[in-house]
Protein backbone atom coordinates (compact mmCIF):
# COMPACT_ATOMS: atom_id res chain seq x y z
CA MET A 1 -20.86 50.26 8.35
CA THR A 2 -24.21 49.91 6.49
CA LYS A 3 -27.33 47.87 6.65
CA LEU A 4 -28.10 45.51 3.95
CA ASP A 5 -31.53 45.82 2.30
CA ILE A 6 -32.67 42.28 2.56
CA ASN A 7 -36.19 42.75 1.16
CA SER A 8 -34.37 43.65 -2.34
CA TRP A 9 -31.45 41.12 -1.82
CA ASN A 10 -31.16 38.23 -4.09
CA ARG A 11 -30.55 35.83 -1.21
CA LYS A 12 -33.57 37.01 0.81
CA PHE A 13 -35.13 33.76 0.82
CA HIS A 14 -31.85 31.90 1.59
CA PHE A 15 -31.31 34.27 4.64
CA HIS A 16 -34.58 33.44 6.23
CA PHE A 17 -34.36 29.77 5.38
CA PHE A 18 -31.12 29.16 7.11
CA LYS A 19 -31.33 31.98 9.83
CA ASN A 20 -32.70 29.88 12.62
CA TYR A 21 -31.04 26.39 11.89
CA ASP A 22 -29.51 24.77 15.15
CA ASN A 23 -26.06 24.82 13.24
CA PRO A 24 -26.35 27.22 10.18
CA PHE A 25 -22.86 26.97 9.37
CA PHE A 26 -21.30 25.05 6.57
CA ASN A 27 -17.35 23.99 6.06
CA ILE A 28 -15.45 23.44 3.04
CA THR A 29 -12.09 22.45 2.98
CA ALA A 30 -9.53 22.47 0.12
CA ASN A 31 -5.82 22.84 -0.90
CA VAL A 32 -4.18 26.02 -1.80
CA ASP A 33 -0.94 25.97 -3.92
CA VAL A 34 1.62 27.73 -1.71
CA THR A 35 4.64 26.89 -3.54
CA ASP A 36 5.57 30.32 -4.63
CA LEU A 37 4.36 32.04 -1.40
CA TYR A 38 6.38 29.80 0.67
CA ASN A 39 9.66 30.58 -1.53
CA PHE A 40 8.79 34.22 -1.34
CA SER A 41 8.55 34.43 2.23
CA LYS A 42 11.74 32.40 2.85
CA LYS A 43 13.51 34.35 0.16
CA ASN A 44 12.49 37.76 1.98
CA GLN A 45 12.76 36.49 5.41
CA LEU A 46 9.00 36.91 6.15
CA SER A 47 6.86 34.52 8.17
CA PHE A 48 4.94 32.35 5.93
CA PHE A 49 1.86 32.44 8.31
CA LEU A 50 1.66 36.20 8.17
CA THR A 51 2.13 36.15 4.42
CA SER A 52 -0.61 33.47 4.21
CA LEU A 53 -2.93 35.38 6.50
CA PHE A 54 -2.45 38.59 4.56
CA CYS A 55 -3.48 36.82 1.27
CA SER A 56 -6.45 35.27 3.04
CA ILE A 57 -7.78 38.23 4.87
CA LYS A 58 -7.35 40.26 1.62
CA ALA A 59 -9.32 37.91 -0.55
CA ALA A 60 -12.07 37.96 2.28
CA ASN A 61 -12.23 41.59 2.39
CA GLU A 62 -12.60 41.54 -1.46
CA ILE A 63 -15.87 39.40 -1.30
CA GLU A 64 -18.70 41.26 0.03
CA ASN A 65 -20.48 38.34 1.60
CA PHE A 66 -17.52 37.67 3.94
CA ARG A 67 -18.04 41.14 5.45
CA TYR A 68 -21.77 40.46 6.17
CA ARG A 69 -22.68 39.99 9.78
CA ILE A 70 -26.20 39.11 11.43
CA LEU A 71 -27.53 41.23 13.94
CA GLY A 72 -30.94 40.47 15.15
CA ASP A 73 -33.11 40.24 12.05
CA GLU A 74 -30.58 42.73 10.13
CA VAL A 75 -27.70 42.18 8.24
CA LEU A 76 -24.69 44.60 8.77
CA ILE A 77 -22.04 45.25 6.12
CA HIS A 78 -18.62 46.17 7.41
CA GLU A 79 -16.22 48.24 5.36
CA LYS A 80 -13.41 46.22 6.28
CA ILE A 81 -12.68 43.03 8.52
CA ASP A 82 -9.70 42.36 10.40
CA ALA A 83 -8.16 38.91 11.40
CA GLY A 84 -7.94 37.57 15.03
CA SER A 85 -5.81 34.38 15.31
CA THR A 86 -4.93 31.79 17.67
CA TYR A 87 -1.23 32.16 19.07
CA LEU A 88 0.70 29.22 20.62
CA TYR A 89 2.52 29.82 23.96
CA SER A 90 5.53 27.98 25.03
CA ASP A 91 3.60 25.52 27.25
CA ASN A 92 1.35 24.50 24.24
CA THR A 93 -1.78 26.54 25.42
CA PHE A 94 -2.94 29.25 23.20
CA GLY A 95 -4.52 32.81 23.34
CA PHE A 96 -5.59 35.25 20.59
CA ILE A 97 -3.99 38.05 18.77
CA TYR A 98 -5.68 40.57 16.45
CA PHE A 99 -4.39 42.06 13.29
CA ASP A 100 -5.67 45.04 11.66
CA TYR A 101 -6.29 44.73 7.82
CA PHE A 102 -4.26 46.51 5.29
CA ASP A 103 -4.31 45.98 1.65
CA ASN A 104 -0.62 46.46 1.39
CA LEU A 105 1.65 43.57 2.60
CA ASN A 106 4.48 45.78 4.01
CA GLN A 107 1.79 47.79 6.16
CA PHE A 108 0.00 44.65 7.27
CA TYR A 109 3.16 42.86 8.09
CA GLU A 110 4.76 45.70 10.04
CA ASN A 111 1.36 46.12 12.08
CA ALA A 112 1.27 42.46 12.45
CA GLN A 113 4.69 42.12 14.16
CA LYS A 114 3.87 45.01 16.46
CA GLU A 115 0.57 43.04 17.48
CA ILE A 116 2.45 39.92 18.05
CA GLU A 117 4.72 41.61 20.32
CA ARG A 118 1.84 43.26 22.23
CA TRP A 119 -0.32 40.27 22.68
CA LYS A 120 1.93 37.34 23.09
CA ASN A 121 2.35 38.01 26.81
CA ILE A 122 -1.25 38.60 27.42
CA LYS A 123 -1.68 35.04 28.65
CA ASP A 124 -5.50 34.54 28.94
CA MET A 125 -8.18 33.99 26.30
CA ALA A 126 -8.45 37.90 25.71
CA VAL A 127 -10.97 38.93 23.38
CA ARG A 128 -11.38 42.48 21.98
CA GLU A 129 -13.80 45.05 23.56
CA GLY A 130 -17.19 45.85 22.38
CA ASN A 131 -18.08 42.34 21.02
CA ARG A 132 -16.90 43.27 17.64
CA THR A 133 -17.86 41.43 14.74
CA ASP A 134 -15.67 43.11 12.11
CA GLU A 135 -13.14 40.21 11.81
CA ILE A 136 -12.56 36.57 10.98
CA HIS A 137 -11.60 34.02 13.26
CA TYR A 138 -8.29 32.13 12.36
CA SER A 139 -6.60 29.13 13.66
CA VAL A 140 -3.59 27.30 12.57
CA ILE A 141 -3.10 23.55 12.99
CA PRO A 142 0.61 23.27 11.84
CA TRP A 143 0.75 19.50 12.96
CA LEU A 144 -1.52 17.94 10.57
CA SER A 145 -2.40 18.16 6.91
CA PHE A 146 -6.18 17.72 7.66
CA THR A 147 -9.00 17.00 5.15
CA SER A 148 -11.77 18.55 7.07
CA PHE A 149 -12.26 20.42 10.60
CA GLN A 150 -14.87 20.83 13.08
CA HIS A 151 -14.99 23.94 15.40
CA ALA A 152 -16.20 24.27 18.81
CA THR A 153 -19.54 25.99 18.70
CA ASN A 154 -21.79 27.79 21.42
CA TYR A 155 -25.09 27.67 19.74
CA LYS A 156 -26.70 29.97 22.75
CA THR A 157 -24.91 33.04 20.98
CA GLU A 158 -25.72 34.77 17.95
CA ASP A 159 -22.77 34.37 15.71
CA SER A 160 -22.11 34.73 11.98
CA ILE A 161 -18.36 35.51 11.93
CA PRO A 162 -16.57 33.21 9.45
CA ARG A 163 -13.82 30.88 10.69
CA ILE A 164 -10.69 29.84 8.60
CA VAL A 165 -8.11 27.31 9.62
CA PHE A 166 -4.55 26.81 7.99
CA GLY A 167 -3.29 23.18 8.08
CA LYS A 168 0.19 21.83 7.53
CA TYR A 169 1.58 22.33 4.23
CA PHE A 170 2.76 19.03 2.26
CA ARG A 171 4.44 18.20 -0.84
CA GLN A 172 2.76 16.68 -3.85
CA ASN A 173 5.03 16.20 -6.78
CA ASP A 174 6.79 19.41 -7.21
CA LYS A 175 4.20 21.55 -5.22
CA LEU A 176 3.57 22.55 -1.84
CA LEU A 177 -0.02 22.61 -0.64
CA MET A 178 -1.75 23.71 2.33
CA PRO A 179 -5.18 22.65 3.54
CA VAL A 180 -7.53 25.57 4.32
CA SER A 181 -10.85 25.07 6.11
CA VAL A 182 -13.47 27.76 5.68
CA GLU A 183 -16.51 27.62 7.84
CA VAL A 184 -19.22 30.20 6.95
CA HIS A 185 -22.91 30.99 7.97
CA HIS A 186 -25.15 29.66 5.18
CA SER A 187 -27.66 32.66 5.77
CA LEU A 188 -24.94 35.05 4.37
CA MET A 189 -23.09 33.13 1.64
CA ASP A 190 -23.15 29.88 -0.46
CA GLY A 191 -20.58 27.51 -1.85
CA PHE A 192 -20.26 29.85 -4.76
CA HIS A 193 -18.80 32.66 -2.32
CA VAL A 194 -16.46 30.17 -0.73
CA GLY A 195 -15.33 29.04 -4.02
CA GLU A 196 -14.64 32.78 -4.84
CA TYR A 197 -12.59 33.06 -1.82
CA PHE A 198 -10.29 30.05 -2.73
CA SER A 199 -9.68 31.50 -6.28
CA LEU A 200 -8.95 35.00 -4.96
CA PHE A 201 -6.59 33.66 -2.26
CA GLN A 202 -4.81 31.77 -4.93
CA LYS A 203 -4.59 34.83 -7.31
CA ILE A 204 -3.33 37.12 -4.59
CA ALA A 205 -0.79 34.77 -3.53
CA ASN A 206 0.60 34.15 -7.16
CA ASP A 207 0.38 38.03 -7.89
CA LEU A 208 2.44 38.64 -4.59
CA THR A 209 5.04 36.37 -5.83
CA ASN A 210 5.32 37.45 -9.50
């Protein structure tokens, strides 16, 4: 982990402009073509959620701004970021599971399966120790193909962690599309960077299945 030199950053003024907003986060929701990714998952008997999560967290790790986090008046740059996701229990309540990032699908998937087994019986709102920020918060709303998403937010805490939500995939002509909501801190990135994320998500998904 290193510190960003804010004074030489080309977004210095944007950082200070948005930093003290009551709500400095902005949200973009778009559809990702998951036709091939879905077929790849089913053919190889893999969880579609975990393969989607791998593509998403890999894309986020490859964009430096997604690894920025605010600490006081400084910006930290994490070398890598992991994924923390909601997990649905049998009584329709949820908890959290944390997945370490690996840039190889097989490694990521094997570790993710172990983490699911480890966390699925910890039935509370467990969070990782140390107030870690080297992660992205994920949720899954498999019941709705939403067009926008609003997160619960505690404005009393210093928070700059991105939030990504997968919705219910749906068929449009011969394609399967999945709505993906991305919420990020405007002091750290702009629409350009979120656009990069969606492009990379699509590319990684396509490369994985070719």
